[in-house]
Amino acid sequence: MKQYITKYFLLFLLIFIPVSCSENDKLIITNSHLDYLYEEIVVDGKEMAIIHIYSDYPDYTFVGDDDEGIACVDDVARAAVYYLYDWQINSNQVSIDKNKKLLEFVLYLQSDNGYFYNFIWDDYSINKDFKTSVAEPNWWSWRALWALIESYDYYNQHDPVFAERIWKSVEDLITALKEIIPTQYEYEEMNGLKIPTWLPQKYASDQAAVLLLGLLEYYDQTEDTTIYNYMGKLCEGIIAMQLKDTEFKYNGAFLSWQNLWHSWGNLQSYALLKCYPLLKNELILSSALYELDNFYEFLIVNNYLNYFTVEKSNGKLSEIESEKYSQIAYNIRPMVYALLEAYKITSKDIYAVRAAEAAKWLTGKNPANSVMYNPGNGRIFDGINSENDVNKNSGAESTIEGLLTLLKLKENEIALKYFLSND
């Protein structure tokens, strides 16, 4: 009788419980918390959506900022890109609907000068005055460009009227940008380093990377020679910010700003690798791979880093100061994206494996040995403050950056397999 029951119980499992051998099916990516942060609103009769910036432990209620507001282009643009990618990979119609409403918010925040304000207040009015919200050539304007141009192809095929609005917004920003493209390409000496002065905000190679991602897509649509040439100079400026000294422990790193390297948003290698097939400059490829082969390897082996500053004397680099914490998901996503892009170009498995190893920061391979991503509810903790202190809040940036990281892994079988392994 016992054998009879066992036999039919196993048959029930085979018939009624889905069984999959696909690695993709083993990686559970849950949008639940991002969907929770997402809220549809109406401004001046126009339907749009926001992403609440903060969500605090233990009950994860929404929290705004007294100086900034409740939602911003910085987060909304990235969420729009995430939902676009989710639709592309999983054919999730709900996600593309959310993408559109989020883009409506981005369009609402565009100023007459072509750039974008960043934050809104709780009455949905625009914060036009605070330093992180002014409509200027800064992070949020580049992220707006990236989200709009990434989404353009979909709407050009499926919603031409909305596509026209996107394109007008992009053109307005590009027109403003062309007015400030430098005509002089000079260097300044800082702490013994030769620093280029033609990047966004003069020295921001981190911002240049985000801007390049938007310009790359824009050039693909227009073949605008002014933009092509500017992209080349931005890449040149990023490369000039690279530290090269085989005796220096941070060898290969691209400085973020002046003599500072910070881990958040350090997309320089990824942007260079994305530009390489178009610009066909071998220095672009070799510089990006040099960071991946040296500095990325250092970061993974040494359990990551928050920031460092550097100086150069008598031809040698030395550290001024550094901090290991805090560590956030936004530190990890740029590494994963760059490594997987390197795999696409070189077909070298090591880059896919390293991408997975970096992504395992989310699953506990981090200084706190803490699982940062909960596949049950989609929450991604806001960061690691020390080996014994995990910030269990789960705001917009960490949630989106973590989900973007996981979604990218699904595109590479080698990375996905290693990510899901116990190695």
Protein backbone atom coordinates (compact mmCIF):
# COMPACT_ATOMS: atom_id res chain seq x y z
CA MET A 1 0.00 0.00 0.00
CA LYS A 2 2.86 2.36 0.90
CA GLN A 3 4.53 1.75 -2.50
CA TYR A 4 1.19 2.39 -4.23
CA ILE A 5 0.79 5.77 -2.49
CA THR A 6 4.39 6.75 -3.19
CA LYS A 7 4.06 5.83 -6.86
CA TYR A 8 0.98 7.95 -7.40
CA PHE A 9 2.28 10.81 -5.28
CA LEU A 10 5.33 11.00 -7.56
CA LEU A 11 3.07 10.84 -10.61
CA PHE A 12 1.05 13.74 -9.16
CA LEU A 13 4.25 15.77 -8.78
CA LEU A 14 5.23 15.13 -12.39
CA ILE A 15 1.82 16.09 -13.74
CA PHE A 16 0.82 19.01 -11.58
CA ILE A 17 4.03 20.66 -10.43
CA PRO A 18 5.97 22.51 -13.15
CA VAL A 19 9.50 21.22 -13.58
CA SER A 20 12.06 23.25 -15.47
CA CYS A 21 15.67 22.67 -16.34
CA SER A 22 16.17 26.27 -17.37
CA GLU A 23 18.61 28.33 -15.30
CA ASN A 24 16.46 31.36 -16.09
CA ASP A 25 13.58 29.78 -14.20
CA LYS A 26 15.77 29.34 -11.13
CA LEU A 27 16.54 33.04 -10.87
CA ILE A 28 13.51 34.62 -9.25
CA ILE A 29 13.24 38.33 -10.01
CA THR A 30 10.38 39.88 -8.11
CA ASN A 31 9.01 43.31 -9.00
CA SER A 32 6.71 43.43 -5.96
CA HIS A 33 8.60 46.04 -3.96
CA LEU A 34 9.32 48.23 -6.97
CA ASP A 35 5.64 47.98 -7.84
CA TYR A 36 4.90 49.08 -4.28
CA LEU A 37 7.18 52.12 -4.65
CA TYR A 38 5.44 52.91 -7.95
CA GLU A 39 2.39 55.20 -7.66
CA GLU A 40 0.21 56.63 -10.39
CA ILE A 41 -0.67 60.29 -10.01
CA VAL A 42 -2.46 62.98 -12.02
CA VAL A 43 -0.88 66.38 -12.61
CA ASP A 44 -2.80 69.03 -14.53
CA GLY A 45 -5.06 66.33 -15.94
CA LYS A 46 -2.14 64.21 -17.17
CA GLU A 47 -1.73 60.65 -15.89
CA MET A 48 1.81 59.77 -14.89
CA ALA A 49 3.65 57.77 -12.25
CA ILE A 50 6.34 58.26 -9.65
CA ILE A 51 8.70 56.04 -7.70
CA HIS A 52 8.86 56.94 -4.00
CA ILE A 53 12.46 57.65 -3.09
CA TYR A 54 12.63 56.09 0.39
CA SER A 55 10.96 53.13 2.07
CA ASP A 56 12.06 52.49 5.65
CA TYR A 57 12.37 49.37 7.77
CA PRO A 58 10.52 47.74 9.46
CA ASP A 59 7.12 48.53 7.91
CA TYR A 60 8.55 50.10 4.71
CA THR A 61 6.37 53.19 4.76
CA PHE A 62 7.23 55.90 2.24
CA VAL A 63 9.56 58.64 3.40
CA GLY A 64 10.27 61.89 1.60
CA ASP A 65 13.04 64.43 2.02
CA ASP A 66 12.43 67.88 3.48
CA ASP A 67 14.89 69.55 1.11
CA GLU A 68 14.21 67.54 -2.03
CA GLY A 69 10.73 66.01 -2.13
CA ILE A 70 9.05 62.64 -2.62
CA ALA A 71 10.16 61.46 -6.08
CA CYS A 72 12.82 62.32 -8.64
CA VAL A 73 13.87 61.89 -12.25
CA ASP A 74 17.05 60.11 -11.08
CA ASP A 75 14.97 57.19 -9.80
CA VAL A 76 12.00 57.39 -12.16
CA ALA A 77 14.22 57.30 -15.26
CA ARG A 78 16.05 54.19 -14.02
CA ALA A 79 12.76 52.52 -13.12
CA ALA A 80 11.43 53.30 -16.60
CA VAL A 81 14.47 51.57 -18.09
CA TYR A 82 14.01 48.59 -15.79
CA TYR A 83 10.36 48.17 -16.78
CA LEU A 84 11.35 48.51 -20.46
CA TYR A 85 13.94 45.75 -20.08
CA ASP A 86 11.43 43.62 -18.16
CA TRP A 87 9.04 43.93 -21.09
CA GLN A 88 11.79 43.10 -23.59
CA ILE A 89 12.93 39.99 -21.73
CA ASN A 90 9.66 38.74 -20.22
CA SER A 91 7.02 40.27 -22.56
CA ASN A 92 5.36 41.76 -19.50
CA GLN A 93 2.69 44.18 -20.77
CA VAL A 94 2.15 45.63 -17.30
CA SER A 95 5.79 46.70 -17.30
CA ILE A 96 5.61 48.60 -20.59
CA ASP A 97 2.47 50.35 -19.36
CA LYS A 98 4.39 51.46 -16.28
CA ASN A 99 7.30 52.53 -18.44
CA LYS A 100 5.03 54.94 -20.30
CA LYS A 101 3.56 56.52 -17.18
CA LEU A 102 7.02 56.95 -15.71
CA LEU A 103 8.21 58.61 -18.91
CA GLU A 104 5.26 60.99 -18.63
CA PHE A 105 6.72 62.06 -15.29
CA VAL A 106 10.14 62.57 -16.89
CA LEU A 107 8.56 64.73 -19.60
CA TYR A 108 6.70 66.74 -16.95
CA LEU A 109 10.04 67.61 -15.29
CA GLN A 110 11.65 69.07 -18.42
CA SER A 111 12.43 72.77 -18.23
CA ASP A 112 12.12 75.31 -21.03
CA ASN A 113 15.93 75.35 -21.18
CA GLY A 114 15.97 71.73 -22.36
CA TYR A 115 17.34 70.26 -19.14
CA PHE A 116 15.35 68.53 -16.43
CA TYR A 117 14.35 69.38 -12.92
CA ASN A 118 14.81 66.43 -10.60
CA PHE A 119 12.36 66.41 -7.66
CA ILE A 120 8.69 67.02 -6.95
CA TRP A 121 7.06 67.96 -3.65
CA ASP A 122 4.19 66.05 -2.07
CA ASP A 123 1.67 68.33 -3.80
CA TYR A 124 3.31 67.26 -7.13
CA SER A 125 4.71 70.73 -7.79
CA ILE A 126 8.27 70.83 -9.10
CA ASN A 127 11.17 71.60 -6.79
CA LYS A 128 12.98 74.14 -8.95
CA ASP A 129 15.43 75.61 -6.46
CA PHE A 130 17.26 73.01 -4.39
CA LYS A 131 20.78 72.20 -5.62
CA THR A 132 19.95 68.56 -6.51
CA SER A 133 16.86 69.55 -8.46
CA VAL A 134 17.84 72.53 -10.61
CA ALA A 135 17.31 72.09 -14.38
CA GLU A 136 20.92 71.93 -15.51
CA PRO A 137 23.43 69.64 -17.29
CA ASN A 138 23.72 67.19 -14.43
CA TRP A 139 23.04 63.56 -13.48
CA TRP A 140 19.24 63.74 -13.72
CA SER A 141 19.26 65.30 -17.19
CA TRP A 142 21.56 62.54 -18.49
CA ARG A 143 19.40 59.85 -16.90
CA ALA A 144 16.30 61.41 -18.43
CA LEU A 145 17.97 61.30 -21.85
CA TRP A 146 18.96 57.67 -21.32
CA ALA A 147 15.44 56.57 -20.34
CA LEU A 148 13.72 58.50 -23.13
CA ILE A 149 16.03 57.41 -25.94
CA GLU A 150 16.15 53.79 -24.74
CA SER A 151 12.35 53.67 -24.89
CA TYR A 152 11.98 55.55 -28.17
CA ASP A 153 12.14 52.53 -30.51
CA TYR A 154 9.28 50.77 -28.76
CA TYR A 155 6.96 53.77 -29.01
CA ASN A 156 8.03 54.57 -32.53
CA GLN A 157 6.62 51.16 -33.47
CA HIS A 158 3.65 50.98 -31.11
CA ASP A 159 2.63 54.54 -30.22
CA PRO A 160 3.93 57.08 -32.78
CA VAL A 161 2.19 60.03 -31.10
CA PHE A 162 3.97 59.39 -27.82
CA ALA A 163 7.19 58.70 -29.73
CA GLU A 164 6.98 62.19 -31.24
CA ARG A 165 6.73 63.70 -27.77
CA ILE A 166 9.74 61.70 -26.64
CA TRP A 167 11.73 62.79 -29.66
CA LYS A 168 10.91 66.46 -29.19
CA SER A 169 12.05 66.22 -25.58
CA VAL A 170 15.30 64.53 -26.64
CA GLU A 171 15.95 67.11 -29.34
CA ASP A 172 15.37 69.95 -26.88
CA LEU A 173 17.98 68.47 -24.56
CA ILE A 174 20.47 67.80 -27.36
CA THR A 175 20.05 71.38 -28.60
CA ALA A 176 20.86 72.67 -25.12
CA LEU A 177 23.77 70.26 -24.83
CA LYS A 178 25.31 71.38 -28.12
CA GLU A 179 25.48 74.91 -26.77
CA ILE A 180 27.86 73.83 -24.00
CA ILE A 181 30.04 71.30 -25.84
CA PRO A 182 33.58 72.50 -25.12
CA THR A 183 35.72 73.90 -27.88
CA GLN A 184 38.93 73.74 -25.83
CA TYR A 185 40.27 70.45 -24.55
CA GLU A 186 42.73 71.25 -21.81
CA TYR A 187 44.04 69.66 -18.62
CA GLU A 188 44.52 70.87 -15.06
CA GLU A 189 47.00 69.51 -12.55
CA MET A 190 45.47 68.31 -9.29
CA ASN A 191 47.42 66.44 -6.62
CA GLY A 192 50.06 65.70 -9.22
CA LEU A 193 47.47 64.25 -11.62
CA LYS A 194 46.69 65.49 -15.12
CA ILE A 195 42.89 65.92 -15.13
CA PRO A 196 40.83 66.68 -18.27
CA THR A 197 38.50 69.69 -18.02
CA TRP A 198 35.99 68.99 -20.81
CA LEU A 199 33.79 66.39 -19.10
CA PRO A 200 30.36 67.26 -17.63
CA GLN A 201 30.82 69.69 -14.73
CA LYS A 202 34.41 69.89 -16.07
CA TYR A 203 35.74 66.82 -14.26
CA ALA A 204 32.87 64.30 -13.94
CA SER A 205 33.84 61.13 -15.76
CA ASP A 206 31.06 59.29 -13.91
CA GLN A 207 28.46 61.64 -15.43
CA ALA A 208 30.16 61.37 -18.82
CA ALA A 209 29.47 57.64 -18.78
CA VAL A 210 25.72 58.07 -18.30
CA LEU A 211 25.62 60.83 -20.90
CA LEU A 212 27.42 58.60 -23.40
CA LEU A 213 24.76 55.90 -23.05
CA GLY A 214 22.11 58.39 -24.12
CA LEU A 215 24.20 59.93 -26.89
CA LEU A 216 25.02 56.52 -28.30
CA GLU A 217 21.35 55.76 -28.87
CA TYR A 218 20.74 59.27 -30.20
CA TYR A 219 23.53 58.92 -32.75
CA ASP A 220 22.11 55.55 -33.81
CA GLN A 221 18.91 57.38 -34.76
CA THR A 222 20.46 60.49 -36.34
CA GLU A 223 24.12 59.94 -37.32
CA ASP A 224 24.73 63.46 -36.05
CA THR A 225 28.45 64.17 -36.62
CA THR A 226 28.61 66.78 -33.85
CA ILE A 227 27.42 64.19 -31.36
CA TYR A 228 29.75 61.55 -32.82
CA ASN A 229 32.76 63.81 -32.35
CA TYR A 230 31.65 64.79 -28.85
CA MET A 231 31.31 61.12 -27.89
CA GLY A 232 34.88 60.58 -29.00
CA LYS A 233 36.08 63.44 -26.79
CA LEU A 234 34.07 62.18 -23.81
CA CYS A 235 35.68 58.75 -24.21
CA GLU A 236 39.07 60.42 -24.47
CA GLY A 237 38.40 62.33 -21.25
CA ILE A 238 37.31 59.19 -19.39
CA ILE A 239 40.45 57.37 -20.54
CA ALA A 240 42.56 60.27 -19.30
CA MET A 241 41.07 59.72 -15.83
CA GLN A 242 42.40 56.16 -15.62
CA LEU A 243 45.07 55.33 -13.05
CA LYS A 244 47.89 53.23 -14.40
CA ASP A 245 50.63 52.13 -12.04
CA THR A 246 51.18 48.41 -11.59
CA GLU A 247 52.59 48.99 -8.08
CA PHE A 248 49.46 50.91 -6.99
CA LYS A 249 46.72 48.75 -5.48
CA TYR A 250 43.95 50.62 -7.31
CA ASN A 251 45.68 50.20 -10.66
CA GLY A 252 43.24 50.52 -13.56
CA ALA A 253 40.50 52.51 -11.82
CA PHE A 254 38.78 55.36 -13.66
CA LEU A 255 38.57 58.34 -11.34
CA SER A 256 35.05 59.64 -10.89
CA TRP A 257 35.71 63.31 -10.20
CA GLN A 258 39.00 65.15 -9.93
CA ASN A 259 41.26 62.91 -7.76
CA LEU A 260 38.33 60.96 -6.27
CA TRP A 261 37.10 57.47 -7.11
CA HIS A 262 33.74 56.43 -5.73
CA SER A 263 32.01 53.14 -6.34
CA TRP A 264 28.45 54.34 -6.94
CA GLY A 265 27.52 54.99 -10.55
CA ASN A 266 31.00 54.21 -11.85
CA LEU A 267 29.82 53.20 -15.33
CA GLN A 268 32.87 54.36 -17.25
CA SER A 269 34.07 50.94 -18.43
CA TYR A 270 30.55 49.96 -19.46
CA ALA A 271 30.08 53.18 -21.44
CA LEU A 272 33.44 52.74 -23.16
CA LEU A 273 32.63 49.16 -24.10
CA LYS A 274 29.23 50.21 -25.47
CA CYS A 275 30.88 52.95 -27.56
CA TYR A 276 33.71 50.78 -28.86
CA PRO A 277 31.82 49.10 -31.76
CA LEU A 278 30.83 52.54 -33.08
CA LEU A 279 34.00 54.53 -32.47
CA LYS A 280 36.34 51.60 -33.28
CA ASN A 281 39.18 53.06 -31.23
CA GLU A 282 41.28 50.22 -29.81
CA LEU A 283 42.36 52.42 -26.90
CA ILE A 284 38.72 52.54 -25.77
CA LEU A 285 38.59 48.74 -25.59
CA SER A 286 42.00 48.26 -24.01
CA SER A 287 41.37 50.90 -21.34
CA ALA A 288 38.04 49.38 -20.31
CA LEU A 289 39.47 45.87 -20.18
CA TYR A 290 42.45 47.14 -18.19
CA GLU A 291 40.10 48.29 -15.42
CA LEU A 292 38.21 45.00 -15.50
CA ASP A 293 41.36 42.89 -15.44
CA ASN A 294 43.06 44.84 -12.67
CA PHE A 295 40.87 47.08 -10.53
CA TYR A 296 37.68 45.00 -10.75
CA GLU A 297 39.67 41.94 -9.77
CA PHE A 298 41.04 43.86 -6.78
CA LEU A 299 37.53 44.96 -5.71
CA ILE A 300 36.11 41.44 -5.87
CA VAL A 301 39.03 39.84 -4.00
CA ASN A 302 39.03 42.56 -1.32
CA ASN A 303 35.27 42.66 -0.76
CA TYR A 304 34.71 46.04 -2.42
CA LEU A 305 35.28 49.64 -1.48
CA ASN A 306 33.31 52.86 -1.09
CA TYR A 307 35.80 55.52 -2.17
CA PHE A 308 39.41 56.61 -2.24
CA THR A 309 41.37 59.74 -3.12
CA VAL A 310 44.77 59.69 -4.74
CA GLU A 311 47.81 61.80 -5.47
CA LYS A 312 50.82 61.44 -7.73
CA SER A 313 54.38 62.32 -6.83
CA ASN A 314 57.61 61.54 -8.69
CA GLY A 315 55.63 59.46 -11.16
CA LYS A 316 54.12 57.23 -8.46
CA LEU A 317 50.52 57.02 -7.29
CA SER A 318 49.63 56.87 -3.60
CA GLU A 319 46.43 56.81 -1.60
CA ILE A 320 45.40 59.87 0.42
CA GLU A 321 42.40 58.30 2.11
CA SER A 322 39.84 55.55 1.55
CA GLU A 323 36.70 54.05 3.08
CA LYS A 324 35.30 50.56 2.68
CA TYR A 325 31.73 51.53 3.64
CA SER A 326 29.00 52.11 2.94
CA GLN A 327 28.35 49.63 0.13
CA ILE A 328 25.18 49.74 -1.97
CA ALA A 329 23.65 47.93 -4.94
CA TYR A 330 24.56 50.92 -7.10
CA ASN A 331 28.22 49.97 -6.54
CA ILE A 332 27.66 46.52 -8.00
CA ARG A 333 25.48 47.11 -11.06
CA PRO A 334 28.13 49.07 -13.02
CA MET A 335 30.60 46.22 -12.53
CA VAL A 336 28.14 43.56 -13.67
CA TYR A 337 27.12 45.56 -16.73
CA ALA A 338 30.72 46.23 -17.77
CA LEU A 339 31.83 42.63 -17.28
CA LEU A 340 28.92 41.23 -19.28
CA GLU A 341 29.55 43.75 -22.05
CA ALA A 342 33.20 42.67 -22.09
CA TYR A 343 32.05 39.08 -22.51
CA LYS A 344 29.92 40.12 -25.51
CA ILE A 345 32.91 41.72 -27.18
CA THR A 346 35.64 39.22 -26.30
CA SER A 347 33.70 35.95 -25.77
CA LYS A 348 35.97 35.30 -22.79
CA ASP A 349 34.14 33.30 -20.13
CA ILE A 350 36.14 34.91 -17.33
CA TYR A 351 34.20 38.14 -17.71
CA ALA A 352 30.84 36.38 -17.38
CA VAL A 353 32.09 34.51 -14.31
CA ARG A 354 33.38 37.71 -12.71
CA ALA A 355 30.04 39.40 -13.41
CA ALA A 356 28.27 36.63 -11.52
CA GLU A 357 30.78 36.82 -8.69
CA ALA A 358 30.18 40.56 -8.32
CA ALA A 359 26.41 40.06 -8.45
CA LYS A 360 26.66 37.59 -5.58
CA TRP A 361 27.10 40.65 -3.37
CA LEU A 362 23.29 40.64 -3.46
CA THR A 363 23.04 37.07 -2.20
CA GLY A 364 25.48 37.29 0.69
CA LYS A 365 28.99 37.34 -0.76
CA ASN A 366 29.69 40.70 0.88
CA PRO A 367 31.50 41.98 4.00
CA ALA A 368 28.42 41.48 6.19
CA ASN A 369 27.69 37.99 4.83
CA SER A 370 24.14 39.26 4.52
CA VAL A 371 21.56 38.45 1.86
CA MET A 372 20.63 41.83 0.40
CA TYR A 373 17.90 40.69 -2.01
CA ASN A 374 14.71 38.96 -0.93
CA PRO A 375 13.14 37.13 -3.91
CA GLY A 376 9.94 36.67 -1.94
CA ASN A 377 9.06 40.36 -1.78
CA GLY A 378 11.60 41.99 -4.11
CA ARG A 379 13.16 44.16 -1.43
CA ILE A 380 16.82 45.03 -1.76
CA PHE A 381 18.38 46.48 1.36
CA ASP A 382 19.80 49.96 1.07
CA GLY A 383 23.34 49.07 2.02
CA ILE A 384 26.05 47.70 4.27
CA ASN A 385 27.44 50.12 6.84
CA SER A 386 29.92 47.68 8.39
CA GLU A 387 30.51 43.96 8.85
CA ASN A 388 27.87 44.03 11.59
CA ASP A 389 25.45 46.67 10.34
CA VAL A 390 23.09 46.30 7.38
CA ASN A 391 20.77 49.16 6.42
CA LYS A 392 17.46 47.30 6.05
CA ASN A 393 15.61 50.21 4.46
CA SER A 394 14.67 49.53 0.85
CA GLY A 395 14.42 52.69 -1.21
CA ALA A 396 14.13 53.34 -4.91
CA GLU A 397 17.78 53.46 -5.94
CA SER A 398 18.86 50.22 -4.28
CA THR A 399 15.74 48.41 -5.45
CA ILE A 400 16.10 49.48 -9.06
CA GLU A 401 19.87 49.00 -9.25
CA GLY A 402 19.61 45.52 -7.76
CA LEU A 403 16.80 44.48 -10.10
CA LEU A 404 18.68 45.84 -13.12
CA THR A 405 21.66 43.73 -12.05
CA LEU A 406 19.62 40.54 -11.74
CA LEU A 407 17.76 41.09 -15.00
CA LYS A 408 21.04 41.56 -16.88
CA LEU A 409 22.28 38.19 -15.59
CA LYS A 410 19.38 36.47 -17.36
CA GLU A 411 20.91 37.45 -20.70
CA ASN A 412 24.08 35.43 -20.14
CA GLU A 413 23.91 31.67 -19.52
CA ILE A 414 27.47 31.41 -18.18
CA ALA A 415 26.99 34.25 -15.69
CA LEU A 416 23.59 32.97 -14.65
CA LYS A 417 24.82 29.44 -14.07
CA TYR A 418 27.72 30.63 -11.94
CA PHE A 419 25.51 33.08 -10.05
CA LEU A 420 23.15 30.27 -9.09
CA SER A 421 25.98 27.93 -8.10
CA ASN A 422 27.45 27.53 -4.61
CA ASP A 423 30.95 28.49 -5.75
